[in-house]
């Protein structure tokens, strides 16, 4: 009888995807606060007038997510990385993104 052995795949690609999602979320949150703090940034983020700065915030968040995923995936595609640490870092980044898009938080940065 021949025993089958399973070849384990490296966890780098999965960790890269999760980390990239966290980075994109954090960038979106930081841009949300930044648009409240800086009129110049708000103007620069207005890529399409009907949506205002939202178009630039989501656009840049998506670009950062995609570029970071491609870069980190290419670096980690054949590697095992400390997955738990990457997962925790990603959760923190997503938390930052969510926190900074919560209206009472970003409105607290508005000049009165």
Protein backbone atom coordinates (compact mmCIF):
# COMPACT_ATOMS: atom_id res chain seq x y z
CA UNK A 1 0.00 0.00 0.00
CA UNK A 2 1.31 3.42 -0.98
CA UNK A 3 0.77 6.26 1.45
CA UNK A 4 -0.27 9.58 0.06
CA UNK A 5 1.47 12.61 1.41
CA UNK A 6 -0.09 15.99 1.01
CA UNK A 7 2.13 18.77 -0.14
CA UNK A 8 1.51 21.83 1.96
CA UNK A 9 1.20 25.11 0.11
CA UNK A 10 2.99 28.19 1.48
CA UNK A 11 0.77 30.65 3.34
CA UNK A 12 2.40 33.77 1.84
CA UNK A 13 -0.18 34.35 -0.92
CA UNK A 14 -3.08 34.20 1.55
CA UNK A 15 -1.28 36.47 4.00
CA UNK A 16 -0.54 38.92 1.18
CA UNK A 17 -4.23 39.12 0.24
CA UNK A 18 -5.29 39.70 3.84
CA UNK A 19 -2.59 42.29 4.50
CA UNK A 20 -3.43 44.17 1.28
CA UNK A 21 -7.09 44.37 2.31
CA UNK A 22 -6.02 45.89 5.62
CA UNK A 23 -3.78 48.42 3.89
CA UNK A 24 -6.53 49.48 1.48
CA UNK A 25 -8.97 49.89 4.36
CA UNK A 26 -6.54 51.95 6.43
CA UNK A 27 -5.74 54.22 3.48
CA UNK A 28 -9.45 54.80 2.88
CA UNK A 29 -9.96 55.74 6.54
CA UNK A 30 -6.93 58.01 6.65
CA UNK A 31 -8.01 59.76 3.46
CA UNK A 32 -11.46 60.29 4.95
CA UNK A 33 -9.94 62.13 7.91
CA UNK A 34 -7.44 63.89 5.64
CA UNK A 35 -10.21 65.25 3.43
CA UNK A 36 -11.87 66.75 6.50
CA UNK A 37 -8.62 68.30 7.76
CA UNK A 38 -7.24 69.60 4.46
CA UNK A 39 -9.29 71.49 1.87
CA UNK A 40 -6.48 70.94 -0.64
CA UNK A 41 -6.59 67.18 -0.16
CA UNK A 42 -10.37 67.21 -0.42
CA UNK A 43 -10.09 69.04 -3.74
CA UNK A 44 -7.37 66.67 -4.98
CA UNK A 45 -9.57 63.69 -4.09
CA UNK A 46 -12.50 65.05 -6.09
CA UNK A 47 -11.97 62.97 -9.22
CA UNK A 48 -15.63 63.16 -10.24
CA UNK A 49 -17.70 66.15 -9.11
CA UNK A 50 -21.05 64.40 -8.46
CA UNK A 51 -19.45 62.20 -5.77
CA UNK A 52 -16.94 64.72 -4.49
CA UNK A 53 -13.93 63.48 -2.52
CA UNK A 54 -15.51 60.04 -2.16
CA UNK A 55 -14.37 59.20 -5.70
CA UNK A 56 -10.71 59.82 -4.84
CA UNK A 57 -10.87 58.17 -1.43
CA UNK A 58 -12.32 54.94 -2.80
CA UNK A 59 -10.15 55.13 -5.91
CA UNK A 60 -6.89 55.50 -3.97
CA UNK A 61 -7.94 52.91 -1.40
CA UNK A 62 -8.60 50.46 -4.22
CA UNK A 63 -5.33 51.30 -5.98
CA UNK A 64 -3.33 50.84 -2.76
CA UNK A 65 -5.12 47.54 -2.09
CA UNK A 66 -4.40 46.20 -5.57
CA UNK A 67 -0.80 47.41 -5.84
CA UNK A 68 0.09 46.21 -2.34
CA UNK A 69 -1.50 42.84 -3.06
CA UNK A 70 0.52 42.44 -6.26
CA UNK A 71 3.79 43.54 -4.62
CA UNK A 72 3.43 41.54 -1.40
CA UNK A 73 2.14 38.49 -3.28
CA UNK A 74 5.18 38.54 -5.55
CA UNK A 75 7.45 38.75 -2.49
CA UNK A 76 5.66 36.02 -0.51
CA UNK A 77 4.33 33.66 -3.21
CA UNK A 78 6.69 30.82 -2.27
CA UNK A 79 7.16 31.64 1.41
CA UNK A 80 5.66 30.84 4.75
CA UNK A 81 5.15 33.97 6.80
CA UNK A 82 4.02 34.42 10.41
CA UNK A 83 0.35 34.21 9.43
CA UNK A 84 -1.10 34.99 12.86
CA UNK A 85 0.95 38.18 13.07
CA UNK A 86 -0.10 39.25 9.56
CA UNK A 87 -3.73 38.51 10.41
CA UNK A 88 -3.57 40.61 13.59
CA UNK A 89 -1.86 43.49 11.74
CA UNK A 90 -4.55 43.29 9.06
CA UNK A 91 -7.33 43.36 11.66
CA UNK A 92 -5.77 46.46 13.21
CA UNK A 93 -5.52 48.15 9.79
CA UNK A 94 -9.14 47.31 8.98
CA UNK A 95 -10.11 48.63 12.42
CA UNK A 96 -8.29 51.91 11.72
CA UNK A 97 -10.08 52.16 8.39
CA UNK A 98 -13.48 51.54 9.96
CA UNK A 99 -12.83 53.87 12.88
CA UNK A 100 -11.78 56.78 10.67
CA UNK A 101 -14.80 56.40 8.40
CA UNK A 102 -17.20 56.54 11.36
CA UNK A 103 -18.80 60.03 11.17
CA UNK A 104 -18.38 61.04 14.84
CA UNK A 105 -14.66 60.27 14.52
CA UNK A 106 -13.84 62.05 11.27
CA UNK A 107 -16.17 64.93 12.09
CA UNK A 108 -14.18 65.48 15.30
CA UNK A 109 -11.29 66.61 13.08
CA UNK A 110 -13.34 69.36 11.38
CA UNK A 111 -12.34 72.94 12.05
CA UNK A 112 -15.19 74.79 13.71
